[in-house]
Amino acid sequence: MAGGGSDPNARYKATWHIGSWGNPYEGGGRPGKGVVTYSLSPNRQRPMATFIAKGFWNVMRRSRNQVLFTIPPFLVAYGCMQWAIEKNEFYNSKTGRALFGDEE
């Protein structure tokens, strides 16, 4: 019988307990081979700690620097959509159908 012990179906006997699922150090055993443990620094655990004092104004400053890159394209797109909507409504009105009804 390989491994010995009271269980005749056991093929080998574990020499140390690695703990329950998710907690390998629980049983007092050594960690498994290749196990890497990470921890988070205490000063990185409060990401919103200074948002009101510093973060909000930083967002405002960075947004102000991007206004000229974002607002004009949105205004052009809005103008094109308004023009297309008005043109479509005209083409589907009585007057538009009378003028352009035979064209397709």
PDB file of N, CA and C in Angstrom:
ATOM      1  N   MET A   1       0.855  -1.178   0.000  1.00  0.00           N
ATOM      2  CA  MET A   1       0.000   0.000   0.000  1.00  0.00           C
ATOM      3  C   MET A   1       0.898   1.237   0.000  1.00  0.00           C
ATOM      4  N   ALA A   2       0.753   2.062  -1.042  1.00  0.00           N
ATOM      5  CA  ALA A   2       1.600   3.247  -1.165  1.00  0.00           C
ATOM      6  C   ALA A   2       1.118   4.332  -0.216  1.00  0.00           C
ATOM      7  N   GLY A   3       2.026   4.937   0.496  1.00  0.00           N
ATOM      8  CA  GLY A   3       1.682   6.064   1.352  1.00  0.00           C
ATOM      9  C   GLY A   3       1.302   5.651   2.754  1.00  0.00           C
ATOM     10  N   GLY A   4       0.837   4.472   2.954  1.00  0.00           N
ATOM     11  CA  GLY A   4       0.468   4.032   4.288  1.00  0.00           C
ATOM     12  C   GLY A   4      -0.742   4.767   4.820  1.00  0.00           C
ATOM     13  N   GLY A   5      -1.147   4.490   6.023  1.00  0.00           N
ATOM     14  CA  GLY A   5      -2.258   5.188   6.633  1.00  0.00           C
ATOM     15  C   GLY A   5      -3.481   4.310   6.735  1.00  0.00           C
ATOM     16  N   SER A   6      -4.576   4.889   7.184  1.00  0.00           N
ATOM     17  CA  SER A   6      -5.778   4.114   7.417  1.00  0.00           C
ATOM     18  C   SER A   6      -6.647   3.945   6.175  1.00  0.00           C
ATOM     19  N   ASP A   7      -6.457   4.787   5.152  1.00  0.00           N
ATOM     20  CA  ASP A   7      -7.278   4.713   3.945  1.00  0.00           C
ATOM     21  C   ASP A   7      -6.611   3.790   2.926  1.00  0.00           C
ATOM     22  N   PRO A   8      -7.213   2.633   2.645  1.00  0.00           N
ATOM     23  CA  PRO A   8      -6.572   1.714   1.702  1.00  0.00           C
ATOM     24  C   PRO A   8      -6.587   2.228   0.255  1.00  0.00           C
ATOM     25  N   ASN A   9      -7.483   3.195  -0.079  1.00  0.00           N
ATOM     26  CA  ASN A   9      -7.558   3.731  -1.444  1.00  0.00           C
ATOM     27  C   ASN A   9      -6.624   4.918  -1.666  1.00  0.00           C
ATOM     28  N   ALA A  10      -5.935   5.365  -0.624  1.00  0.00           N
ATOM     29  CA  ALA A  10      -5.050   6.518  -0.754  1.00  0.00           C
ATOM     30  C   ALA A  10      -3.801   6.135  -1.519  1.00  0.00           C
ATOM     31  N   ARG A  11      -3.424   6.895  -2.488  1.00  0.00           N
ATOM     32  CA  ARG A  11      -2.224   6.623  -3.276  1.00  0.00           C
ATOM     33  C   ARG A  11      -0.997   7.293  -2.665  1.00  0.00           C
ATOM     34  N   TYR A  12      -1.209   8.414  -1.978  1.00  0.00           N
ATOM     35  CA  TYR A  12      -0.091   9.079  -1.327  1.00  0.00           C
ATOM     36  C   TYR A  12      -0.631   9.807  -0.101  1.00  0.00           C
ATOM     37  N   LYS A  13       0.258  10.183   0.755  1.00  0.00           N
ATOM     38  CA  LYS A  13      -0.139  10.879   1.973  1.00  0.00           C
ATOM     39  C   LYS A  13       0.444  12.284   1.930  1.00  0.00           C
ATOM     40  N   ALA A  14      -0.407  13.272   2.125  1.00  0.00           N
ATOM     41  CA  ALA A  14       0.060  14.656   2.149  1.00  0.00           C
ATOM     42  C   ALA A  14       0.823  14.891   3.439  1.00  0.00           C
ATOM     43  N   THR A  15       1.971  15.554   3.311  1.00  0.00           N
ATOM     44  CA  THR A  15       2.779  15.787   4.499  1.00  0.00           C
ATOM     45  C   THR A  15       2.431  17.090   5.186  1.00  0.00           C
ATOM     46  N   TRP A  16       1.726  17.990   4.496  1.00  0.00           N
ATOM     47  CA  TRP A  16       1.334  19.249   5.130  1.00  0.00           C
ATOM     48  C   TRP A  16       0.049  19.745   4.527  1.00  0.00           C
ATOM     49  N   HIS A  17      -0.696  20.496   5.305  1.00  0.00           N
ATOM     50  CA  HIS A  17      -2.008  20.999   4.904  1.00  0.00           C
ATOM     51  C   HIS A  17      -1.851  22.413   4.373  1.00  0.00           C
ATOM     52  N   ILE A  18      -2.404  22.684   3.184  1.00  0.00           N
ATOM     53  CA  ILE A  18      -2.222  24.029   2.634  1.00  0.00           C
ATOM     54  C   ILE A  18      -3.361  24.977   2.987  1.00  0.00           C
ATOM     55  N   GLY A  19      -4.317  24.550   3.766  1.00  0.00           N
ATOM     56  CA  GLY A  19      -5.403  25.435   4.187  1.00  0.00           C
ATOM     57  C   GLY A  19      -6.620  25.291   3.303  1.00  0.00           C
ATOM     58  N   SER A  20      -7.657  26.040   3.639  1.00  0.00           N
ATOM     59  CA  SER A  20      -8.907  25.964   2.896  1.00  0.00           C
ATOM     60  C   SER A  20      -8.800  26.760   1.599  1.00  0.00           C
ATOM     61  N   TRP A  21      -9.837  26.676   0.775  1.00  0.00           N
ATOM     62  CA  TRP A  21      -9.859  27.351  -0.521  1.00  0.00           C
ATOM     63  C   TRP A  21      -9.728  28.863  -0.334  1.00  0.00           C
ATOM     64  N   GLY A  22      -8.761  29.468  -0.975  1.00  0.00           N
ATOM     65  CA  GLY A  22      -8.577  30.908  -0.907  1.00  0.00           C
ATOM     66  C   GLY A  22      -7.729  31.373   0.250  1.00  0.00           C
ATOM     67  N   ASN A  23      -7.365  30.479   1.163  1.00  0.00           N
ATOM     68  CA  ASN A  23      -6.569  30.868   2.317  1.00  0.00           C
ATOM     69  C   ASN A  23      -5.517  29.784   2.565  1.00  0.00           C
ATOM     70  N   PRO A  24      -4.428  29.790   1.805  1.00  0.00           N
ATOM     71  CA  PRO A  24      -3.464  28.697   1.919  1.00  0.00           C
ATOM     72  C   PRO A  24      -2.676  28.686   3.223  1.00  0.00           C
ATOM     73  N   TYR A  25      -2.687  29.771   3.985  1.00  0.00           N
ATOM     74  CA  TYR A  25      -1.889  29.836   5.205  1.00  0.00           C
ATOM     75  C   TYR A  25      -2.691  29.504   6.448  1.00  0.00           C
ATOM     76  N   GLU A  26      -3.947  29.146   6.288  1.00  0.00           N
ATOM     77  CA  GLU A  26      -4.835  28.936   7.427  1.00  0.00           C
ATOM     78  C   GLU A  26      -4.391  27.793   8.324  1.00  0.00           C
ATOM     79  N   GLY A  27      -3.994  26.695   7.759  1.00  0.00           N
ATOM     80  CA  GLY A  27      -3.675  25.510   8.546  1.00  0.00           C
ATOM     81  C   GLY A  27      -2.306  25.551   9.178  1.00  0.00           C
ATOM     82  N   GLY A  28      -1.585  26.645   9.056  1.00  0.00           N
ATOM     83  CA  GLY A  28      -0.256  26.734   9.626  1.00  0.00           C
ATOM     84  C   GLY A  28       0.791  26.095   8.742  1.00  0.00           C
ATOM     85  N   GLY A  29       0.368  25.613   7.588  1.00  0.00           N
ATOM     86  CA  GLY A  29       1.308  24.976   6.687  1.00  0.00           C
ATOM     87  C   GLY A  29       2.069  26.012   5.874  1.00  0.00           C
ATOM     88  N   ARG A  30       3.073  25.534   5.186  1.00  0.00           N
ATOM     89  CA  ARG A  30       3.865  26.430   4.357  1.00  0.00           C
ATOM     90  C   ARG A  30       3.107  26.702   3.053  1.00  0.00           C
ATOM     91  N   PRO A  31       3.392  27.813   2.421  1.00  0.00           N
ATOM     92  CA  PRO A  31       2.710  28.099   1.161  1.00  0.00           C
ATOM     93  C   PRO A  31       3.186  27.151   0.076  1.00  0.00           C
ATOM     94  N   GLY A  32       2.334  26.937  -0.922  1.00  0.00           N
ATOM     95  CA  GLY A  32       2.702  26.066  -2.015  1.00  0.00           C
ATOM     96  C   GLY A  32       3.807  26.671  -2.868  1.00  0.00           C
ATOM     97  N   LYS A  33       4.423  25.854  -3.670  1.00  0.00           N
ATOM     98  CA  LYS A  33       5.527  26.302  -4.502  1.00  0.00           C
ATOM     99  C   LYS A  33       4.995  27.257  -5.569  1.00  0.00           C
ATOM    100  N   GLY A  34       5.664  28.404  -5.736  1.00  0.00           N
ATOM    101  CA  GLY A  34       5.277  29.370  -6.750  1.00  0.00           C
ATOM    102  C   GLY A  34       4.136  30.281  -6.345  1.00  0.00           C
ATOM    103  N   VAL A  35       3.694  30.269  -5.105  1.00  0.00           N
ATOM    104  CA  VAL A  35       2.615  31.137  -4.647  1.00  0.00           C
ATOM    105  C   VAL A  35       3.176  32.522  -4.365  1.00  0.00           C
ATOM    106  N   VAL A  36       2.588  33.532  -4.989  1.00  0.00           N
ATOM    107  CA  VAL A  36       3.025  34.911  -4.794  1.00  0.00           C
ATOM    108  C   VAL A  36       1.916  35.655  -4.079  1.00  0.00           C
ATOM    109  N   THR A  37       2.250  36.423  -3.064  1.00  0.00           N
ATOM    110  CA  THR A  37       1.268  37.180  -2.304  1.00  0.00           C
ATOM    111  C   THR A  37       1.497  38.665  -2.517  1.00  0.00           C
ATOM    112  N   TYR A  38       0.416  39.395  -2.769  1.00  0.00           N
ATOM    113  CA  TYR A  38       0.483  40.840  -2.957  1.00  0.00           C
ATOM    114  C   TYR A  38      -0.341  41.525  -1.886  1.00  0.00           C
ATOM    115  N   SER A  39       0.056  42.736  -1.554  1.00  0.00           N
ATOM    116  CA  SER A  39      -0.748  43.530  -0.627  1.00  0.00           C
ATOM    117  C   SER A  39      -0.776  44.969  -1.120  1.00  0.00           C
ATOM    118  N   LEU A  40      -1.757  45.708  -0.651  1.00  0.00           N
ATOM    119  CA  LEU A  40      -1.937  47.090  -1.075  1.00  0.00           C
ATOM    120  C   LEU A  40      -1.445  48.012   0.032  1.00  0.00           C
ATOM    121  N   SER A  41      -0.695  49.012  -0.367  1.00  0.00           N
ATOM    122  CA  SER A  41      -0.169  49.971   0.598  1.00  0.00           C
ATOM    123  C   SER A  41      -1.325  50.735   1.249  1.00  0.00           C
ATOM    124  N   PRO A  42      -1.234  51.045   2.553  1.00  0.00           N
ATOM    125  CA  PRO A  42      -2.319  51.748   3.232  1.00  0.00           C
ATOM    126  C   PRO A  42      -2.617  53.125   2.632  1.00  0.00           C
ATOM    127  N   ASN A  43      -1.622  53.817   2.087  1.00  0.00           N
ATOM    128  CA  ASN A  43      -1.898  55.139   1.540  1.00  0.00           C
ATOM    129  C   ASN A  43      -2.533  55.054   0.147  1.00  0.00           C
ATOM    130  N   ARG A  44      -2.716  53.859  -0.413  1.00  0.00           N
ATOM    131  CA  ARG A  44      -3.375  53.695  -1.707  1.00  0.00           C
ATOM    132  C   ARG A  44      -4.797  53.158  -1.556  1.00  0.00           C
ATOM    133  N   GLN A  45      -5.275  52.998  -0.352  1.00  0.00           N
ATOM    134  CA  GLN A  45      -6.580  52.398  -0.133  1.00  0.00           C
ATOM    135  C   GLN A  45      -7.708  53.419  -0.072  1.00  0.00           C
ATOM    136  N   ARG A  46      -7.421  54.694  -0.182  1.00  0.00           N
ATOM    137  CA  ARG A  46      -8.455  55.727  -0.146  1.00  0.00           C
ATOM    138  C   ARG A  46      -8.362  56.578  -1.413  1.00  0.00           C
ATOM    139  N   PRO A  47      -8.852  56.102  -2.542  1.00  0.00           N
ATOM    140  CA  PRO A  47      -8.680  56.835  -3.787  1.00  0.00           C
ATOM    141  C   PRO A  47      -9.457  58.145  -3.840  1.00  0.00           C
ATOM    142  N   MET A  48     -10.529  58.303  -3.074  1.00  0.00           N
ATOM    143  CA  MET A  48     -11.332  59.526  -3.119  1.00  0.00           C
ATOM    144  C   MET A  48     -11.049  60.449  -1.936  1.00  0.00           C
ATOM    145  N   ALA A  49      -9.953  60.239  -1.236  1.00  0.00           N
ATOM    146  CA  ALA A  49      -9.679  61.003  -0.021  1.00  0.00           C
ATOM    147  C   ALA A  49      -9.535  62.489  -0.293  1.00  0.00           C
ATOM    148  N   THR A  50      -8.873  62.877  -1.375  1.00  0.00           N
ATOM    149  CA  THR A  50      -8.654  64.311  -1.637  1.00  0.00           C
ATOM    150  C   THR A  50      -9.392  64.777  -2.887  1.00  0.00           C
ATOM    151  N   PHE A  51     -10.457  64.077  -3.271  1.00  0.00           N
ATOM    152  CA  PHE A  51     -11.154  64.457  -4.500  1.00  0.00           C
ATOM    153  C   PHE A  51     -11.748  65.858  -4.401  1.00  0.00           C
ATOM    154  N   ILE A  52     -12.399  66.194  -3.306  1.00  0.00           N
ATOM    155  CA  ILE A  52     -13.041  67.502  -3.183  1.00  0.00           C
ATOM    156  C   ILE A  52     -11.987  68.606  -3.175  1.00  0.00           C
ATOM    157  N   ALA A  53     -10.906  68.411  -2.463  1.00  0.00           N
ATOM    158  CA  ALA A  53      -9.899  69.461  -2.333  1.00  0.00           C
ATOM    159  C   ALA A  53      -9.076  69.639  -3.600  1.00  0.00           C
ATOM    160  N   LYS A  54      -8.660  68.532  -4.227  1.00  0.00           N
ATOM    161  CA  LYS A  54      -7.748  68.631  -5.359  1.00  0.00           C
ATOM    162  C   LYS A  54      -8.326  68.074  -6.649  1.00  0.00           C
ATOM    163  N   GLY A  55      -9.002  66.958  -6.573  1.00  0.00           N
ATOM    164  CA  GLY A  55      -9.444  66.249  -7.762  1.00  0.00           C
ATOM    165  C   GLY A  55     -10.437  67.010  -8.604  1.00  0.00           C
ATOM    166  N   PHE A  56     -11.422  67.637  -7.975  1.00  0.00           N
ATOM    167  CA  PHE A  56     -12.441  68.365  -8.726  1.00  0.00           C
ATOM    168  C   PHE A  56     -11.812  69.489  -9.531  1.00  0.00           C
ATOM    169  N   TRP A  57     -10.907  70.237  -8.926  1.00  0.00           N
ATOM    170  CA  TRP A  57     -10.282  71.355  -9.636  1.00  0.00           C
ATOM    171  C   TRP A  57      -9.327  70.865 -10.714  1.00  0.00           C
ATOM    172  N   ASN A  58      -8.711  69.707 -10.506  1.00  0.00           N
ATOM    173  CA  ASN A  58      -7.861  69.135 -11.537  1.00  0.00           C
ATOM    174  C   ASN A  58      -8.697  68.735 -12.751  1.00  0.00           C
ATOM    175  N   VAL A  59      -9.876  68.152 -12.519  1.00  0.00           N
ATOM    176  CA  VAL A  59     -10.781  67.799 -13.615  1.00  0.00           C
ATOM    177  C   VAL A  59     -11.222  69.052 -14.358  1.00  0.00           C
ATOM    178  N   MET A  60     -11.528  70.120 -13.636  1.00  0.00           N
ATOM    179  CA  MET A  60     -11.949  71.372 -14.277  1.00  0.00           C
ATOM    180  C   MET A  60     -10.815  71.942 -15.143  1.00  0.00           C
ATOM    181  N   ARG A  61      -9.614  71.942 -14.631  1.00  0.00           N
ATOM    182  CA  ARG A  61      -8.471  72.483 -15.381  1.00  0.00           C
ATOM    183  C   ARG A  61      -8.226  71.676 -16.648  1.00  0.00           C
ATOM    184  N   ARG A  62      -8.253  70.362 -16.536  1.00  0.00           N
ATOM    185  CA  ARG A  62      -7.989  69.516 -17.694  1.00  0.00           C
ATOM    186  C   ARG A  62      -9.118  69.600 -18.709  1.00  0.00           C
ATOM    187  N   SER A  63     -10.344  69.739 -18.245  1.00  0.00           N
ATOM    188  CA  SER A  63     -11.476  69.882 -19.171  1.00  0.00           C
ATOM    189  C   SER A  63     -11.405  71.205 -19.911  1.00  0.00           C
ATOM    190  N   ARG A  64     -11.027  72.267 -19.216  1.00  0.00           N
ATOM    191  CA  ARG A  64     -10.918  73.584 -19.840  1.00  0.00           C
ATOM    192  C   ARG A  64      -9.883  73.558 -20.965  1.00  0.00           C
ATOM    193  N   ASN A  65      -8.821  72.786 -20.797  1.00  0.00           N
ATOM    194  CA  ASN A  65      -7.799  72.687 -21.833  1.00  0.00           C
ATOM    195  C   ASN A  65      -8.276  71.913 -23.059  1.00  0.00           C
ATOM    196  N   GLN A  66      -9.342  71.129 -22.931  1.00  0.00           N
ATOM    197  CA  GLN A  66      -9.831  70.315 -24.046  1.00  0.00           C
ATOM    198  C   GLN A  66     -11.080  70.875 -24.714  1.00  0.00           C
ATOM    199  N   VAL A  67     -11.575  72.010 -24.251  1.00  0.00           N
ATOM    200  CA  VAL A  67     -12.831  72.566 -24.769  1.00  0.00           C
ATOM    201  C   VAL A  67     -12.759  72.823 -26.265  1.00  0.00           C
ATOM    202  N   LEU A  68     -11.681  73.406 -26.757  1.00  0.00           N
ATOM    203  CA  LEU A  68     -11.581  73.735 -28.171  1.00  0.00           C
ATOM    204  C   LEU A  68     -11.444  72.495 -29.055  1.00  0.00           C
ATOM    205  N   PHE A  69     -11.097  71.370 -28.464  1.00  0.00           N
ATOM    206  CA  PHE A  69     -11.009  70.145 -29.247  1.00  0.00           C
ATOM    207  C   PHE A  69     -12.323  69.377 -29.266  1.00  0.00           C
ATOM    208  N   THR A  70     -13.241  69.649 -28.344  1.00  0.00           N
ATOM    209  CA  THR A  70     -14.472  68.867 -28.258  1.00  0.00           C
ATOM    210  C   THR A  70     -15.720  69.643 -28.670  1.00  0.00           C
ATOM    211  N   ILE A  71     -15.847  70.897 -28.260  1.00  0.00           N
ATOM    212  CA  ILE A  71     -17.085  71.646 -28.505  1.00  0.00           C
ATOM    213  C   ILE A  71     -17.321  71.924 -29.989  1.00  0.00           C
ATOM    214  N   PRO A  72     -16.352  72.437 -30.772  1.00  0.00           N
ATOM    215  CA  PRO A  72     -16.636  72.704 -32.190  1.00  0.00           C
ATOM    216  C   PRO A  72     -17.097  71.487 -32.993  1.00  0.00           C
ATOM    217  N   PRO A  73     -16.491  70.304 -32.849  1.00  0.00           N
ATOM    218  CA  PRO A  73     -17.033  69.160 -33.590  1.00  0.00           C
ATOM    219  C   PRO A  73     -18.465  68.817 -33.196  1.00  0.00           C
ATOM    220  N   PHE A  74     -18.794  68.959 -31.920  1.00  0.00           N
ATOM    221  CA  PHE A  74     -20.172  68.692 -31.497  1.00  0.00           C
ATOM    222  C   PHE A  74     -21.131  69.717 -32.089  1.00  0.00           C
ATOM    223  N   LEU A  75     -20.723  70.977 -32.155  1.00  0.00           N
ATOM    224  CA  LEU A  75     -21.584  71.998 -32.746  1.00  0.00           C
ATOM    225  C   LEU A  75     -21.794  71.750 -34.239  1.00  0.00           C
ATOM    226  N   VAL A  76     -20.744  71.361 -34.941  1.00  0.00           N
ATOM    227  CA  VAL A  76     -20.872  71.046 -36.368  1.00  0.00           C
ATOM    228  C   VAL A  76     -21.797  69.848 -36.568  1.00  0.00           C
ATOM    229  N   ALA A  77     -21.628  68.820 -35.768  1.00  0.00           N
ATOM    230  CA  ALA A  77     -22.476  67.634 -35.881  1.00  0.00           C
ATOM    231  C   ALA A  77     -23.926  67.975 -35.571  1.00  0.00           C
ATOM    232  N   TYR A  78     -24.152  68.796 -34.554  1.00  0.00           N
ATOM    233  CA  TYR A  78     -25.517  69.192 -34.203  1.00  0.00           C
ATOM    234  C   TYR A  78     -26.143  69.999 -35.339  1.00  0.00           C
ATOM    235  N   GLY A  79     -25.379  70.914 -35.933  1.00  0.00           N
ATOM    236  CA  GLY A  79     -25.886  71.705 -37.052  1.00  0.00           C
ATOM    237  C   GLY A  79     -26.230  70.840 -38.251  1.00  0.00           C
ATOM    238  N   CYS A  80     -25.384  69.867 -38.563  1.00  0.00           N
ATOM    239  CA  CYS A  80     -25.671  68.954 -39.676  1.00  0.00           C
ATOM    240  C   CYS A  80     -26.925  68.131 -39.409  1.00  0.00           C
ATOM    241  N   MET A  81     -27.087  67.672 -38.185  1.00  0.00           N
ATOM    242  CA  MET A  81     -28.284  66.888 -37.860  1.00  0.00           C
ATOM    243  C   MET A  81     -29.545  67.735 -37.948  1.00  0.00           C
ATOM    244  N   GLN A  82     -29.491  68.976 -37.461  1.00  0.00           N
ATOM    245  CA  GLN A  82     -30.653  69.853 -37.554  1.00  0.00           C
ATOM    246  C   GLN A  82     -31.005  70.130 -39.011  1.00  0.00           C
ATOM    247  N   TRP A  83     -29.992  70.385 -39.840  1.00  0.00           N
ATOM    248  CA  TRP A  83     -30.235  70.629 -41.260  1.00  0.00           C
ATOM    249  C   TRP A  83     -30.869  69.402 -41.920  1.00  0.00           C
ATOM    250  N   ALA A  84     -30.352  68.199 -41.610  1.00  0.00           N
ATOM    251  CA  ALA A  84     -30.881  66.971 -42.200  1.00  0.00           C
ATOM    252  C   ALA A  84     -32.312  66.698 -41.744  1.00  0.00           C
ATOM    253  N   ILE A  85     -32.602  66.961 -40.486  1.00  0.00           N
ATOM    254  CA  ILE A  85     -33.962  66.742 -39.969  1.00  0.00           C
ATOM    255  C   ILE A  85     -34.941  67.689 -40.648  1.00  0.00           C
ATOM    256  N   GLU A  86     -34.569  68.972 -40.746  1.00  0.00           N
ATOM    257  CA  GLU A  86     -35.456  69.942 -41.399  1.00  0.00           C
ATOM    258  C   GLU A  86     -35.654  69.601 -42.874  1.00  0.00           C
ATOM    259  N   LYS A  87     -34.601  69.184 -43.562  1.00  0.00           N
ATOM    260  CA  LYS A  87     -34.690  68.818 -44.975  1.00  0.00           C
ATOM    261  C   LYS A  87     -35.596  67.596 -45.144  1.00  0.00           C
ATOM    262  N   ASN A  88     -35.447  66.606 -44.266  1.00  0.00           N
ATOM    263  CA  ASN A  88     -36.283  65.412 -44.326  1.00  0.00           C
ATOM    264  C   ASN A  88     -37.750  65.758 -44.077  1.00  0.00           C
ATOM    265  N   GLU A  89     -38.007  66.607 -43.090  1.00  0.00           N
ATOM    266  CA  GLU A  89     -39.387  67.004 -42.813  1.00  0.00           C
ATOM    267  C   GLU A  89     -39.984  67.763 -43.999  1.00  0.00           C
ATOM    268  N   PHE A  90     -39.169  68.582 -44.660  1.00  0.00           N
ATOM    269  CA  PHE A  90     -39.661  69.307 -45.833  1.00  0.00           C
ATOM    270  C   PHE A  90     -39.969  68.337 -46.978  1.00  0.00           C
ATOM    271  N   TYR A  91     -39.081  67.375 -47.221  1.00  0.00           N
ATOM    272  CA  TYR A  91     -39.315  66.416 -48.303  1.00  0.00           C
ATOM    273  C   TYR A  91     -40.560  65.562 -48.062  1.00  0.00           C
ATOM    274  N   ASN A  92     -40.911  65.337 -46.813  1.00  0.00           N
ATOM    275  CA  ASN A  92     -42.086  64.529 -46.483  1.00  0.00           C
ATOM    276  C   ASN A  92     -43.329  65.374 -46.226  1.00  0.00           C
ATOM    277  N   SER A  93     -43.269  66.686 -46.480  1.00  0.00           N
ATOM    278  CA  SER A  93     -44.443  67.542 -46.335  1.00  0.00           C
ATOM    279  C   SER A  93     -45.168  67.628 -47.679  1.00  0.00           C
ATOM    280  N   LYS A  94     -46.358  68.256 -47.683  1.00  0.00           N
ATOM    281  CA  LYS A  94     -47.118  68.419 -48.925  1.00  0.00           C
ATOM    282  C   LYS A  94     -46.334  69.233 -49.940  1.00  0.00           C
ATOM    283  N   THR A  95     -45.744  70.322 -49.484  1.00  0.00           N
ATOM    284  CA  THR A  95     -44.983  71.187 -50.392  1.00  0.00           C
ATOM    285  C   THR A  95     -43.776  70.466 -50.965  1.00  0.00           C
ATOM    286  N   GLY A  96     -43.049  69.754 -50.144  1.00  0.00           N
ATOM    287  CA  GLY A  96     -41.878  69.021 -50.602  1.00  0.00           C
ATOM    288  C   GLY A  96     -42.235  67.914 -51.570  1.00  0.00           C
ATOM    289  N   ARG A  97     -43.336  67.219 -51.307  1.00  0.00           N
ATOM    290  CA  ARG A  97     -43.762  66.166 -52.228  1.00  0.00           C
ATOM    291  C   ARG A  97     -44.221  66.751 -53.546  1.00  0.00           C
ATOM    292  N   ALA A  98     -44.833  67.938 -53.491  1.00  0.00           N
ATOM    293  CA  ALA A  98     -45.279  68.569 -54.738  1.00  0.00           C
ATOM    294  C   ALA A  98     -44.078  68.995 -55.572  1.00  0.00           C
ATOM    295  N   LEU A  99     -43.013  69.495 -54.902  1.00  0.00           N
ATOM    296  CA  LEU A  99     -41.836  69.950 -55.638  1.00  0.00           C
ATOM    297  C   LEU A  99     -40.950  68.788 -56.106  1.00  0.00           C
ATOM    298  N   PHE A 100     -40.732  67.825 -55.232  1.00  0.00           N
ATOM    299  CA  PHE A 100     -39.764  66.752 -55.499  1.00  0.00           C
ATOM    300  C   PHE A 100     -40.397  65.374 -55.543  1.00  0.00           C
ATOM    301  N   GLY A 101     -41.702  65.261 -55.668  1.00  0.00           N
ATOM    302  CA  GLY A 101     -42.370  63.975 -55.627  1.00  0.00           C
ATOM    303  C   GLY A 101     -42.061  63.077 -56.787  1.00  0.00           C
ATOM    304  N   ASP A 102     -41.787  63.627 -57.965  1.00  0.00           N
ATOM    305  CA  ASP A 102     -41.532  62.794 -59.131  1.00  0.00           C
ATOM    306  C   ASP A 102     -40.081  62.344 -59.216  1.00  0.00           C
ATOM    307  N   GLU A 103     -39.185  62.908 -58.385  1.00  0.00           N
ATOM    308  CA  GLU A 103     -37.771  62.528 -58.403  1.00  0.00           C
ATOM    309  C   GLU A 103     -37.523  61.372 -57.432  1.00  0.00           C
ATOM    310  N   GLU A 104     -36.819  60.372 -57.883  1.00  0.00           N
ATOM    311  CA  GLU A 104     -36.392  59.295 -56.992  1.00  0.00           C
ATOM    312  C   GLU A 104     -35.286  58.531 -57.563  1.00  0.00           C
TER     313      GLU A 104
END
